[in-house]
Every structure is written in structure tokens, then in C-alpha cells.
Amino acid sequence: MADQLIRGTAAEGGIRAVGAITTRLTEEARQRHQLSYVASAALGRTMVSGLLMASSMKRPGSRVNIRVKGDGPLGGILVDAGLDGTVRGYVENSAIELPPNGQGKLDVGGAVGSGYLYVVRDIGYGYPYSSTVELVSGEIGDDVTNYLVRSEQTPSALIVGVFVDKSGVTAAGGLLLQILPKAARDDALVEKLESRVSALTGFTPLLQAGKTLPEIFQDLLGDMNLSIFPETQMLRFHCGCSFDRVLGALKMLGEDELQDMIVKDDGAEATCDFCGTVYQANKDHLSQLIFDLQAESSAT
């Protein structure tokens, strides 16, 4: 099934629902970064969380950045997700592996450890909105839910998951349910929704059982005046890095550093953290950058 995102409402617009399948893009990230099982799960959960959060933004070009910084062996996680359905991300220590936790599942919480969750919302103009909360479990879903409740004052349930085995990522995605102010005072509705969410054993088992996103919505919200929006948004792993951007970054190093690279290394190599693409700049490229810097200096 293609990576996709759908949106809907229930309870006369009092419940907002967003669901996403991210299996292919999570597998692409696993391959690009040569991720371990636990690193695949951690990054995959964070990427789908970013996409679900970005889906509520309005202005084209809006993006959400999620940074997870814990004291566990995985180090940090950084994800950049957009309203346009693109996402990229990486983990600091991609090869770290841990034994399963007490429930026999990948120990993402142990890999992440204690620390902080940083969220930046960039709506495309003005200053981005940023907020920081403490990690509550390191399992990503719990932590993002805690952020939504504490920083954005929105009662939310976030269920995210990644299933990965020796063949790679075979199921990944998530579901975000939010109770909007018009329904928050309906205790019976809130209790019903909480009960149904609590009964879920995870998100990936639903995908493995062959459930589609509309069917998952129907099972959870079908008797609450569910309305699924007709648009299905395609999702993909995408990084905006380029050779020109690499040259621009190298140029900022200045003439002396560039000349040193030519003499010592006969060029320069740069790797994009987000997608793993390796760029090679030979001595001719660096010489051109030096020429450009000298020309700019003479012009001023």
C-alpha cells in the first residue's frame, strides 16, 4: 500500500482524526542510514509523528521540526516534516541495538533515555513557534502526545508504530485523534474515545491485518458521525539538499580553508545528515569558489 495520509472529523466536528501509512518512506530511511532495528523504529515513529502534526497547518510551505534529545545510546533524533507530505530525518547513532524490552518489543524508550522533546513549527512567515517538554517515556508516541496536551493545550491520542524484521520495514504509520474545544466538555464522548484507543494494541497490527486507513477510522469513529475528507495525500521521504547548497556551505569557510582543502585533500567531501547523500567537490570546484570570493572582495 502506498504511503498516504487521510483526514476526517467526527462528533459534529468535535474530533479531528488524521491517519498515515509510512511503510515505504520508513524503509527508505532505514536503507539510507543503515539503521538498526531499534533505530528504525525510533526514527520511523518520529517521522510519522511529524507528518501527522504538520497535517493541521494551513499555509503552503509550513513545516514541523521534531528533535528528540535523550541520554540513551541512540543519541538524538531530528525530523523535518512538511504540510506537503515530505519528510526527512536521522538519528545520531544509527547502528545501536538493544535487546527487546519487558513486553518483547523493540526498546525504543531505553535507546532514547531521559531528556527533552523540542518542537518547532514554521508557518512560512514571521518567527517559528518553538516549545520544549521533558520526555515522559522515550517511546516517541507518549512524548509527542504529552507535548500536544501541555504545549498546545489539545487533548490528543497519538498511536504510532513501526514493524521491522530481517526483511526490512514491513509496516509503519500512525493515527492522531484530537478532541477540539466544542467536544471537550462531553465527558461521555471523551470516555468512549479513550476506551477505544486504550483497546488498541498498536497501529502496525492493524496494517498487518490488512486494514486500510478508512477502515481504521470507521472502526474507531464510525458511530460518531464520522466524515472522511475525500482527498488522500501521498507521502514520501524527500531531502532538499543539493550540490549547489554544499558549494554554498563550503564557500562560507573562506579562502584560507578552501586552499588548505585543495593542498591537503585535493578536494572536499560532504555528507547530508538527513538523507546520507555524499557530495564530492574536486579542486576545480574549490578553486572556483576561491575565485568567486576574491571577485566579491574586489567588488566591495
C-alpha atoms as a PDB file:
ATOM      1  CA  MET A   1       0.000   0.000   0.000  1.00  0.00           C
ATOM      2  CA  ALA A   2       1.327   3.438  -0.936  1.00  0.00           C
ATOM      3  CA  ASP A   3       2.397   5.854   1.764  1.00  0.00           C
ATOM      4  CA  GLN A   4      -0.538   8.159   2.327  1.00  0.00           C
ATOM      5  CA  LEU A   5      -2.379  10.416   4.757  1.00  0.00           C
ATOM      6  CA  ILE A   6      -6.100  10.986   5.209  1.00  0.00           C
ATOM      7  CA  ARG A   7      -8.051  13.390   7.384  1.00  0.00           C
ATOM      8  CA  GLY A   8     -11.504  13.299   8.894  1.00  0.00           C
ATOM      9  CA  THR A   9     -13.788  14.574  11.628  1.00  0.00           C
ATOM     10  CA  ALA A  10     -16.329  13.037  13.983  1.00  0.00           C
ATOM     11  CA  ALA A  11     -18.781  14.113  16.677  1.00  0.00           C
ATOM     12  CA  GLU A  12     -20.085  17.037  14.596  1.00  0.00           C
ATOM     13  CA  GLY A  13     -16.565  18.339  14.081  1.00  0.00           C
ATOM     14  CA  GLY A  14     -15.585  17.921  17.719  1.00  0.00           C
ATOM     15  CA  ILE A  15     -12.992  15.221  16.970  1.00  0.00           C
ATOM     16  CA  ARG A  16     -10.194  15.650  14.469  1.00  0.00           C
ATOM     17  CA  ALA A  17      -8.664  12.479  13.039  1.00  0.00           C
ATOM     18  CA  VAL A  18      -5.569  12.046  10.882  1.00  0.00           C
ATOM     19  CA  GLY A  19      -4.113   8.726   9.798  1.00  0.00           C
ATOM     20  CA  ALA A  20      -0.923   7.940   7.887  1.00  0.00           C
ATOM     21  CA  ILE A  21       0.803   4.940   6.357  1.00  0.00           C
ATOM     22  CA  THR A  22       4.567   5.470   6.148  1.00  0.00           C
ATOM     23  CA  THR A  23       5.963   1.993   5.451  1.00  0.00           C
ATOM     24  CA  ARG A  24       7.891   2.786   2.296  1.00  0.00           C
ATOM     25  CA  LEU A  25       9.426   6.059   3.431  1.00  0.00           C
ATOM     26  CA  THR A  26      10.500   4.477   6.719  1.00  0.00           C
ATOM     27  CA  GLU A  27      12.146   1.623   4.810  1.00  0.00           C
ATOM     28  CA  GLU A  28      13.880   4.184   2.600  1.00  0.00           C
ATOM     29  CA  ALA A  29      15.220   5.941   5.705  1.00  0.00           C
ATOM     30  CA  ARG A  30      16.376   2.576   7.098  1.00  0.00           C
ATOM     31  CA  GLN A  31      18.301   1.829   3.934  1.00  0.00           C
ATOM     32  CA  ARG A  32      19.744   5.315   3.525  1.00  0.00           C
ATOM     33  CA  HIS A  33      21.077   5.442   7.080  1.00  0.00           C
ATOM     34  CA  GLN A  34      21.730   1.709   7.582  1.00  0.00           C
ATOM     35  CA  LEU A  35      19.563   1.777  10.700  1.00  0.00           C
ATOM     36  CA  SER A  36      19.410  -0.936  13.326  1.00  0.00           C
ATOM     37  CA  TYR A  37      16.032  -2.376  14.301  1.00  0.00           C
ATOM     38  CA  VAL A  38      15.576  -0.048  17.281  1.00  0.00           C
ATOM     39  CA  ALA A  39      16.882   2.980  15.365  1.00  0.00           C
ATOM     40  CA  SER A  40      14.434   2.207  12.527  1.00  0.00           C
ATOM     41  CA  ALA A  41      11.556   2.145  14.997  1.00  0.00           C
ATOM     42  CA  ALA A  42      12.643   5.344  16.735  1.00  0.00           C
ATOM     43  CA  LEU A  43      13.130   7.337  13.538  1.00  0.00           C
ATOM     44  CA  GLY A  44      10.024   5.892  11.887  1.00  0.00           C
ATOM     45  CA  ARG A  45       7.829   6.821  14.854  1.00  0.00           C
ATOM     46  CA  THR A  46       9.232  10.341  14.898  1.00  0.00           C
ATOM     47  CA  MET A  47       8.776  10.827  11.148  1.00  0.00           C
ATOM     48  CA  VAL A  48       5.123   9.815  11.167  1.00  0.00           C
ATOM     49  CA  SER A  49       4.560  11.994  14.251  1.00  0.00           C
ATOM     50  CA  GLY A  50       5.962  14.958  12.350  1.00  0.00           C
ATOM     51  CA  LEU A  51       3.746  14.301   9.331  1.00  0.00           C
ATOM     52  CA  LEU A  52       0.633  13.961  11.497  1.00  0.00           C
ATOM     53  CA  MET A  53       1.414  17.205  13.306  1.00  0.00           C
ATOM     54  CA  ALA A  54       2.194  19.090  10.086  1.00  0.00           C
ATOM     55  CA  SER A  55      -1.139  17.997   8.592  1.00  0.00           C
ATOM     56  CA  SER A  56      -3.039  20.569  10.675  1.00  0.00           C
ATOM     57  CA  MET A  57      -1.038  23.526   9.365  1.00  0.00           C
ATOM     58  CA  LYS A  58      -2.650  25.817   6.799  1.00  0.00           C
ATOM     59  CA  ARG A  59      -0.076  27.828   4.893  1.00  0.00           C
ATOM     60  CA  PRO A  60       1.782  26.176   1.969  1.00  0.00           C
ATOM     61  CA  GLY A  61       5.413  25.609   2.878  1.00  0.00           C
ATOM     62  CA  SER A  62       4.665  25.074   6.576  1.00  0.00           C
ATOM     63  CA  ARG A  63       6.897  22.568   8.317  1.00  0.00           C
ATOM     64  CA  VAL A  64       7.376  20.913  11.700  1.00  0.00           C
ATOM     65  CA  ASN A  65      10.757  20.057  13.154  1.00  0.00           C
ATOM     66  CA  ILE A  66      10.947  17.483  15.950  1.00  0.00           C
ATOM     67  CA  ARG A  67      14.149  16.960  17.872  1.00  0.00           C
ATOM     68  CA  VAL A  68      14.415  14.233  20.480  1.00  0.00           C
ATOM     69  CA  LYS A  69      17.464  14.572  22.689  1.00  0.00           C
ATOM     70  CA  GLY A  70      17.869  11.834  25.275  1.00  0.00           C
ATOM     71  CA  ASP A  71      20.712  10.427  27.325  1.00  0.00           C
ATOM     72  CA  GLY A  72      20.294   6.910  25.912  1.00  0.00           C
ATOM     73  CA  PRO A  73      22.725   5.235  23.481  1.00  0.00           C
ATOM     74  CA  LEU A  74      20.713   6.287  20.420  1.00  0.00           C
ATOM     75  CA  GLY A  75      21.685   9.939  20.970  1.00  0.00           C
ATOM     76  CA  GLY A  76      19.494  12.489  19.223  1.00  0.00           C
ATOM     77  CA  ILE A  77      16.748  12.184  16.605  1.00  0.00           C
ATOM     78  CA  LEU A  78      15.927  15.018  14.207  1.00  0.00           C
ATOM     79  CA  VAL A  79      12.960  15.038  11.842  1.00  0.00           C
ATOM     80  CA  ASP A  80      11.703  17.667   9.402  1.00  0.00           C
ATOM     81  CA  ALA A  81       8.157  17.156   8.082  1.00  0.00           C
ATOM     82  CA  GLY A  82       6.022  19.332   5.839  1.00  0.00           C
ATOM     83  CA  LEU A  83       2.400  20.051   5.113  1.00  0.00           C
ATOM     84  CA  ASP A  84       3.259  18.978   1.555  1.00  0.00           C
ATOM     85  CA  GLY A  85       3.715  15.372   2.715  1.00  0.00           C
ATOM     86  CA  THR A  86       7.507  15.272   2.586  1.00  0.00           C
ATOM     87  CA  VAL A  87       9.666  14.172   5.489  1.00  0.00           C
ATOM     88  CA  ARG A  88      13.319  13.535   6.238  1.00  0.00           C
ATOM     89  CA  GLY A  89      15.268  12.668   9.368  1.00  0.00           C
ATOM     90  CA  TYR A  90      18.172  10.919  11.005  1.00  0.00           C
ATOM     91  CA  VAL A  91      19.428   9.526  14.299  1.00  0.00           C
ATOM     92  CA  GLU A  92      22.869  10.199  15.744  1.00  0.00           C
ATOM     93  CA  ASN A  93      23.877   6.599  16.452  1.00  0.00           C
ATOM     94  CA  SER A  94      22.188   4.580  13.743  1.00  0.00           C
ATOM     95  CA  ALA A  95      23.829   1.221  14.498  1.00  0.00           C
ATOM     96  CA  ILE A  96      22.827   0.998  18.180  1.00  0.00           C
ATOM     97  CA  GLU A  97      20.872  -2.147  19.018  1.00  0.00           C
ATOM     98  CA  LEU A  98      19.240  -3.180  22.285  1.00  0.00           C
ATOM     99  CA  PRO A  99      17.537  -6.388  23.431  1.00  0.00           C
ATOM    100  CA  PRO A 100      13.718  -6.344  23.500  1.00  0.00           C
ATOM    101  CA  ASN A 101      12.011  -4.709  26.471  1.00  0.00           C
ATOM    102  CA  GLY A 102       9.891  -6.497  29.054  1.00  0.00           C
ATOM    103  CA  GLN A 103       6.947  -6.687  26.620  1.00  0.00           C
ATOM    104  CA  GLY A 104       9.081  -8.341  23.955  1.00  0.00           C
ATOM    105  CA  LYS A 105       9.079  -5.205  21.804  1.00  0.00           C
ATOM    106  CA  LEU A 106      11.867  -3.029  20.469  1.00  0.00           C
ATOM    107  CA  ASP A 107      13.188  -0.970  23.370  1.00  0.00           C
ATOM    108  CA  VAL A 108      12.876   2.498  21.844  1.00  0.00           C
ATOM    109  CA  GLY A 109      12.433   4.045  25.287  1.00  0.00           C
ATOM    110  CA  GLY A 110      15.676   2.518  26.509  1.00  0.00           C
ATOM    111  CA  ALA A 111      17.515   3.613  23.375  1.00  0.00           C
ATOM    112  CA  VAL A 112      16.289   7.195  23.716  1.00  0.00           C
ATOM    113  CA  GLY A 113      16.525   7.511  27.509  1.00  0.00           C
ATOM    114  CA  SER A 114      15.584  10.599  29.509  1.00  0.00           C
ATOM    115  CA  GLY A 115      15.784  14.079  28.098  1.00  0.00           C
ATOM    116  CA  TYR A 116      13.746  16.592  26.139  1.00  0.00           C
ATOM    117  CA  LEU A 117      11.486  16.909  23.121  1.00  0.00           C
ATOM    118  CA  TYR A 118      11.881  20.070  21.063  1.00  0.00           C
ATOM    119  CA  VAL A 119       9.237  21.094  18.518  1.00  0.00           C
ATOM    120  CA  VAL A 120       9.473  23.969  16.054  1.00  0.00           C
ATOM    121  CA  ARG A 121       6.501  24.940  13.887  1.00  0.00           C
ATOM    122  CA  ASP A 122       7.421  27.107  10.902  1.00  0.00           C
ATOM    123  CA  ILE A 123       4.311  28.527   9.239  1.00  0.00           C
ATOM    124  CA  GLY A 124       6.278  30.120   6.414  1.00  0.00           C
ATOM    125  CA  TYR A 125       6.491  33.687   7.687  1.00  0.00           C
ATOM    126  CA  GLY A 126       7.458  35.503  10.869  1.00  0.00           C
ATOM    127  CA  TYR A 127       9.251  33.753  13.695  1.00  0.00           C
ATOM    128  CA  PRO A 128       8.735  29.982  14.040  1.00  0.00           C
ATOM    129  CA  TYR A 129       6.900  28.811  17.151  1.00  0.00           C
ATOM    130  CA  SER A 130       9.045  26.606  19.372  1.00  0.00           C
ATOM    131  CA  SER A 131       8.389  24.653  22.536  1.00  0.00           C
ATOM    132  CA  THR A 132      10.211  22.187  24.764  1.00  0.00           C
ATOM    133  CA  VAL A 133       8.875  19.471  27.059  1.00  0.00           C
ATOM    134  CA  GLU A 134      10.513  16.697  29.023  1.00  0.00           C
ATOM    135  CA  LEU A 135      10.384  13.188  27.647  1.00  0.00           C
ATOM    136  CA  VAL A 136       7.911  11.045  29.554  1.00  0.00           C
ATOM    137  CA  SER A 137       8.944   7.626  28.255  1.00  0.00           C
ATOM    138  CA  GLY A 138      11.249   7.961  25.242  1.00  0.00           C
ATOM    139  CA  GLU A 139       8.792   5.853  23.243  1.00  0.00           C
ATOM    140  CA  ILE A 140       8.035   8.863  20.971  1.00  0.00           C
ATOM    141  CA  GLY A 141       4.242   8.455  20.798  1.00  0.00           C
ATOM    142  CA  ASP A 142       3.783   9.156  24.512  1.00  0.00           C
ATOM    143  CA  ASP A 143       6.204  12.059  24.307  1.00  0.00           C
ATOM    144  CA  VAL A 144       4.538  13.778  21.355  1.00  0.00           C
ATOM    145  CA  THR A 145       1.126  13.265  22.969  1.00  0.00           C
ATOM    146  CA  ASN A 146       2.445  14.924  26.117  1.00  0.00           C
ATOM    147  CA  TYR A 147       3.707  17.838  24.013  1.00  0.00           C
ATOM    148  CA  LEU A 148       0.313  18.305  22.328  1.00  0.00           C
ATOM    149  CA  VAL A 149      -1.512  18.312  25.664  1.00  0.00           C
ATOM    150  CA  ARG A 150       0.916  20.542  27.548  1.00  0.00           C
ATOM    151  CA  SER A 151       2.183  22.957  24.906  1.00  0.00           C
ATOM    152  CA  GLU A 152      -0.761  23.152  22.519  1.00  0.00           C
ATOM    153  CA  GLN A 153      -3.494  22.591  25.111  1.00  0.00           C
ATOM    154  CA  THR A 154      -5.226  19.996  22.941  1.00  0.00           C
ATOM    155  CA  PRO A 155      -6.388  16.655  24.391  1.00  0.00           C
ATOM    156  CA  SER A 156      -4.834  14.164  22.000  1.00  0.00           C
ATOM    157  CA  ALA A 157      -4.144  10.493  21.413  1.00  0.00           C
ATOM    158  CA  LEU A 158      -1.234   9.544  19.179  1.00  0.00           C
ATOM    159  CA  ILE A 159      -0.669   5.924  18.188  1.00  0.00           C
ATOM    160  CA  VAL A 160       2.466   5.344  16.100  1.00  0.00           C
ATOM    161  CA  GLY A 161       4.332   2.198  15.206  1.00  0.00           C
ATOM    162  CA  VAL A 162       6.995   0.568  13.068  1.00  0.00           C
ATOM    163  CA  PHE A 163       7.354  -3.145  12.441  1.00  0.00           C
ATOM    164  CA  VAL A 164      10.797  -4.110  11.219  1.00  0.00           C
ATOM    165  CA  ASP A 165      12.398  -7.527  10.810  1.00  0.00           C
ATOM    166  CA  LYS A 166      15.234  -9.067   8.813  1.00  0.00           C
ATOM    167  CA  SER A 167      13.448  -8.229   5.571  1.00  0.00           C
ATOM    168  CA  GLY A 168      13.173  -4.547   6.496  1.00  0.00           C
ATOM    169  CA  VAL A 169      10.264  -2.300   7.470  1.00  0.00           C
ATOM    170  CA  THR A 170       7.033  -4.078   6.574  1.00  0.00           C
ATOM    171  CA  ALA A 171       4.526  -1.828   8.364  1.00  0.00           C
ATOM    172  CA  ALA A 172       4.701   1.723   9.675  1.00  0.00           C
ATOM    173  CA  GLY A 173       2.294   4.549  10.324  1.00  0.00           C
ATOM    174  CA  GLY A 174       0.193   6.276  12.899  1.00  0.00           C
ATOM    175  CA  LEU A 175      -3.062   7.822  13.977  1.00  0.00           C
ATOM    176  CA  LEU A 176      -3.696  11.176  15.643  1.00  0.00           C
ATOM    177  CA  LEU A 177      -7.012  11.871  17.351  1.00  0.00           C
ATOM    178  CA  GLN A 178      -7.673  15.269  18.883  1.00  0.00           C
ATOM    179  CA  ILE A 179     -10.680  16.443  20.878  1.00  0.00           C
ATOM    180  CA  LEU A 180     -11.460  20.023  19.957  1.00  0.00           C
ATOM    181  CA  PRO A 181     -12.929  22.532  22.441  1.00  0.00           C
ATOM    182  CA  LYS A 182     -16.525  22.096  21.241  1.00  0.00           C
ATOM    183  CA  ALA A 183     -16.442  18.403  22.288  1.00  0.00           C
ATOM    184  CA  ALA A 184     -14.077  18.524  25.264  1.00  0.00           C
ATOM    185  CA  ARG A 185     -16.936  19.133  27.689  1.00  0.00           C
ATOM    186  CA  ASP A 186     -18.792  15.993  26.576  1.00  0.00           C
ATOM    187  CA  ASP A 187     -17.496  13.574  29.215  1.00  0.00           C
ATOM    188  CA  ALA A 188     -19.320  10.586  27.759  1.00  0.00           C
ATOM    189  CA  LEU A 189     -17.803  11.176  24.322  1.00  0.00           C
ATOM    190  CA  VAL A 190     -14.319  11.633  25.742  1.00  0.00           C
ATOM    191  CA  GLU A 191     -14.659   8.451  27.805  1.00  0.00           C
ATOM    192  CA  LYS A 192     -15.868   6.454  24.794  1.00  0.00           C
ATOM    193  CA  LEU A 193     -12.965   7.618  22.666  1.00  0.00           C
ATOM    194  CA  GLU A 194     -10.420   6.949  25.408  1.00  0.00           C
ATOM    195  CA  SER A 195     -11.804   3.439  25.872  1.00  0.00           C
ATOM    196  CA  ARG A 196     -11.477   2.614  22.185  1.00  0.00           C
ATOM    197  CA  VAL A 197      -7.970   3.996  21.916  1.00  0.00           C
ATOM    198  CA  SER A 198      -6.917   2.079  25.039  1.00  0.00           C
ATOM    199  CA  ALA A 199      -8.219  -1.139  23.484  1.00  0.00           C
ATOM    200  CA  LEU A 200      -5.815  -0.829  20.549  1.00  0.00           C
ATOM    201  CA  THR A 201      -2.721  -2.996  20.781  1.00  0.00           C
ATOM    202  CA  GLY A 202      -0.864  -0.705  18.394  1.00  0.00           C
ATOM    203  CA  PHE A 203      -1.079   0.687  14.885  1.00  0.00           C
ATOM    204  CA  THR A 204       1.052  -1.727  12.878  1.00  0.00           C
ATOM    205  CA  PRO A 205      -1.078  -4.778  13.820  1.00  0.00           C
ATOM    206  CA  LEU A 206      -3.988  -3.056  12.057  1.00  0.00           C
ATOM    207  CA  LEU A 207      -1.928  -2.646   8.886  1.00  0.00           C
ATOM    208  CA  GLN A 208      -0.662  -6.209   9.107  1.00  0.00           C
ATOM    209  CA  ALA A 209      -4.266  -7.363   9.354  1.00  0.00           C
ATOM    210  CA  GLY A 210      -4.944  -5.669   6.025  1.00  0.00           C
ATOM    211  CA  LYS A 211      -6.872  -2.696   7.383  1.00  0.00           C
ATOM    212  CA  THR A 212      -6.979   0.455   5.246  1.00  0.00           C
ATOM    213  CA  LEU A 213      -6.975   3.914   6.800  1.00  0.00           C
ATOM    214  CA  PRO A 214     -10.714   4.475   6.095  1.00  0.00           C
ATOM    215  CA  GLU A 215     -11.485   1.120   7.710  1.00  0.00           C
ATOM    216  CA  ILE A 216      -9.442   2.042  10.786  1.00  0.00           C
ATOM    217  CA  PHE A 217     -11.328   5.339  11.022  1.00  0.00           C
ATOM    218  CA  GLN A 218     -14.633   3.510  10.617  1.00  0.00           C
ATOM    219  CA  ASP A 219     -13.837   1.025  13.395  1.00  0.00           C
ATOM    220  CA  LEU A 220     -12.927   3.792  15.838  1.00  0.00           C
ATOM    221  CA  LEU A 221     -15.334   6.571  14.908  1.00  0.00           C
ATOM    222  CA  GLY A 222     -17.971   5.087  12.646  1.00  0.00           C
ATOM    223  CA  ASP A 223     -20.791   5.570  15.167  1.00  0.00           C
ATOM    224  CA  MET A 224     -19.756   9.154  15.978  1.00  0.00           C
ATOM    225  CA  ASN A 225     -20.929  10.843  12.781  1.00  0.00           C
ATOM    226  CA  LEU A 226     -17.637  10.178  11.027  1.00  0.00           C
ATOM    227  CA  SER A 227     -16.813  12.239   7.950  1.00  0.00           C
ATOM    228  CA  ILE A 228     -13.689  11.308   5.960  1.00  0.00           C
ATOM    229  CA  PHE A 229     -12.334  14.008   3.670  1.00  0.00           C
ATOM    230  CA  PRO A 230     -12.136  12.890   0.020  1.00  0.00           C
ATOM    231  CA  GLU A 231      -8.510  13.951  -0.525  1.00  0.00           C
ATOM    232  CA  THR A 232      -5.783  11.354   0.009  1.00  0.00           C
ATOM    233  CA  GLN A 233      -2.332  12.907   0.343  1.00  0.00           C
ATOM    234  CA  MET A 234       0.700  10.985  -0.840  1.00  0.00           C
ATOM    235  CA  LEU A 235       3.716  10.914   1.497  1.00  0.00           C
ATOM    236  CA  ARG A 236       7.401  10.482   0.683  1.00  0.00           C
ATOM    237  CA  PHE A 237      10.906  10.712   2.057  1.00  0.00           C
ATOM    238  CA  HIS A 238      12.457  13.786   0.460  1.00  0.00           C
ATOM    239  CA  CYS A 239      15.516  15.897   1.189  1.00  0.00           C
ATOM    240  CA  GLY A 240      16.138  19.292  -0.387  1.00  0.00           C
ATOM    241  CA  CYS A 241      19.915  19.025  -0.268  1.00  0.00           C
ATOM    242  CA  SER A 242      21.880  19.621  -3.471  1.00  0.00           C
ATOM    243  CA  PHE A 243      25.426  20.035  -4.764  1.00  0.00           C
ATOM    244  CA  ASP A 244      24.862  23.793  -5.113  1.00  0.00           C
ATOM    245  CA  ARG A 245      23.917  24.014  -1.433  1.00  0.00           C
ATOM    246  CA  VAL A 246      27.047  22.089  -0.498  1.00  0.00           C
ATOM    247  CA  LEU A 247      29.179  24.510  -2.526  1.00  0.00           C
ATOM    248  CA  GLY A 248      27.427  27.399  -0.793  1.00  0.00           C
ATOM    249  CA  ALA A 249      28.293  25.943   2.601  1.00  0.00           C
ATOM    250  CA  LEU A 250      31.906  25.337   1.578  1.00  0.00           C
ATOM    251  CA  LYS A 251      32.185  28.905   0.329  1.00  0.00           C
ATOM    252  CA  MET A 252      31.371  30.178   3.817  1.00  0.00           C
ATOM    253  CA  LEU A 253      34.593  28.571   5.093  1.00  0.00           C
ATOM    254  CA  GLY A 254      36.677  31.268   3.413  1.00  0.00           C
ATOM    255  CA  GLU A 255      39.677  31.356   1.101  1.00  0.00           C
ATOM    256  CA  ASP A 256      42.301  30.024   3.512  1.00  0.00           C
ATOM    257  CA  GLU A 257      40.292  26.939   4.492  1.00  0.00           C
ATOM    258  CA  LEU A 258      39.380  26.185   0.886  1.00  0.00           C
ATOM    259  CA  GLN A 259      43.009  26.490  -0.213  1.00  0.00           C
ATOM    260  CA  ASP A 260      44.018  24.161   2.610  1.00  0.00           C
ATOM    261  CA  MET A 261      41.493  21.568   1.362  1.00  0.00           C
ATOM    262  CA  ILE A 262      42.963  21.782  -2.135  1.00  0.00           C
ATOM    263  CA  VAL A 263      46.523  21.278  -0.920  1.00  0.00           C
ATOM    264  CA  LYS A 264      45.842  18.553   1.654  1.00  0.00           C
ATOM    265  CA  ASP A 265      42.877  16.648   0.210  1.00  0.00           C
ATOM    266  CA  ASP A 266      42.697  17.663  -3.462  1.00  0.00           C
ATOM    267  CA  GLY A 267      39.026  18.497  -2.836  1.00  0.00           C
ATOM    268  CA  ALA A 268      36.302  18.068  -0.237  1.00  0.00           C
ATOM    269  CA  GLU A 269      33.615  15.545   0.675  1.00  0.00           C
ATOM    270  CA  ALA A 270      30.337  16.345   2.407  1.00  0.00           C
ATOM    271  CA  THR A 271      27.568  14.016   3.569  1.00  0.00           C
ATOM    272  CA  CYS A 272      23.993  15.155   4.178  1.00  0.00           C
ATOM    273  CA  ASP A 273      22.912  14.065   7.657  1.00  0.00           C
ATOM    274  CA  PHE A 274      19.256  13.918   6.647  1.00  0.00           C
ATOM    275  CA  CYS A 275      19.478  11.643   3.619  1.00  0.00           C
ATOM    276  CA  GLY A 276      23.010  10.250   3.593  1.00  0.00           C
ATOM    277  CA  THR A 277      23.855  11.572   0.121  1.00  0.00           C
ATOM    278  CA  VAL A 278      27.609  12.042  -0.349  1.00  0.00           C
ATOM    279  CA  TYR A 279      28.806  15.022  -2.388  1.00  0.00           C
ATOM    280  CA  GLN A 280      32.315  15.333  -3.853  1.00  0.00           C
ATOM    281  CA  ALA A 281      33.813  18.729  -4.654  1.00  0.00           C
ATOM    282  CA  ASN A 282      37.098  18.486  -6.576  1.00  0.00           C
ATOM    283  CA  LYS A 283      39.897  21.033  -6.585  1.00  0.00           C
ATOM    284  CA  ASP A 284      38.410  22.798  -9.615  1.00  0.00           C
ATOM    285  CA  HIS A 285      35.167  23.406  -7.707  1.00  0.00           C
ATOM    286  CA  LEU A 286      37.072  24.753  -4.729  1.00  0.00           C
ATOM    287  CA  SER A 287      39.274  26.935  -6.929  1.00  0.00           C
ATOM    288  CA  GLN A 288      36.145  28.444  -8.471  1.00  0.00           C
ATOM    289  CA  LEU A 289      34.807  29.226  -5.004  1.00  0.00           C
ATOM    290  CA  ILE A 290      38.078  30.981  -4.145  1.00  0.00           C
ATOM    291  CA  PHE A 291      37.864  32.953  -7.398  1.00  0.00           C
ATOM    292  CA  ASP A 292      34.273  33.966  -6.574  1.00  0.00           C
ATOM    293  CA  LEU A 293      35.280  35.098  -3.076  1.00  0.00           C
ATOM    294  CA  GLN A 294      38.135  37.173  -4.449  1.00  0.00           C
ATOM    295  CA  ALA A 295      35.857  38.750  -7.053  1.00  0.00           C
ATOM    296  CA  GLU A 296      33.280  39.627  -4.398  1.00  0.00           C
ATOM    297  CA  SER A 297      36.002  41.115  -2.196  1.00  0.00           C
ATOM    298  CA  SER A 298      37.290  43.256  -5.058  1.00  0.00           C
ATOM    299  CA  ALA A 299      33.788  44.484  -5.883  1.00  0.00           C
ATOM    300  CA  THR A 300      33.272  45.758  -2.344  1.00  0.00           C
END
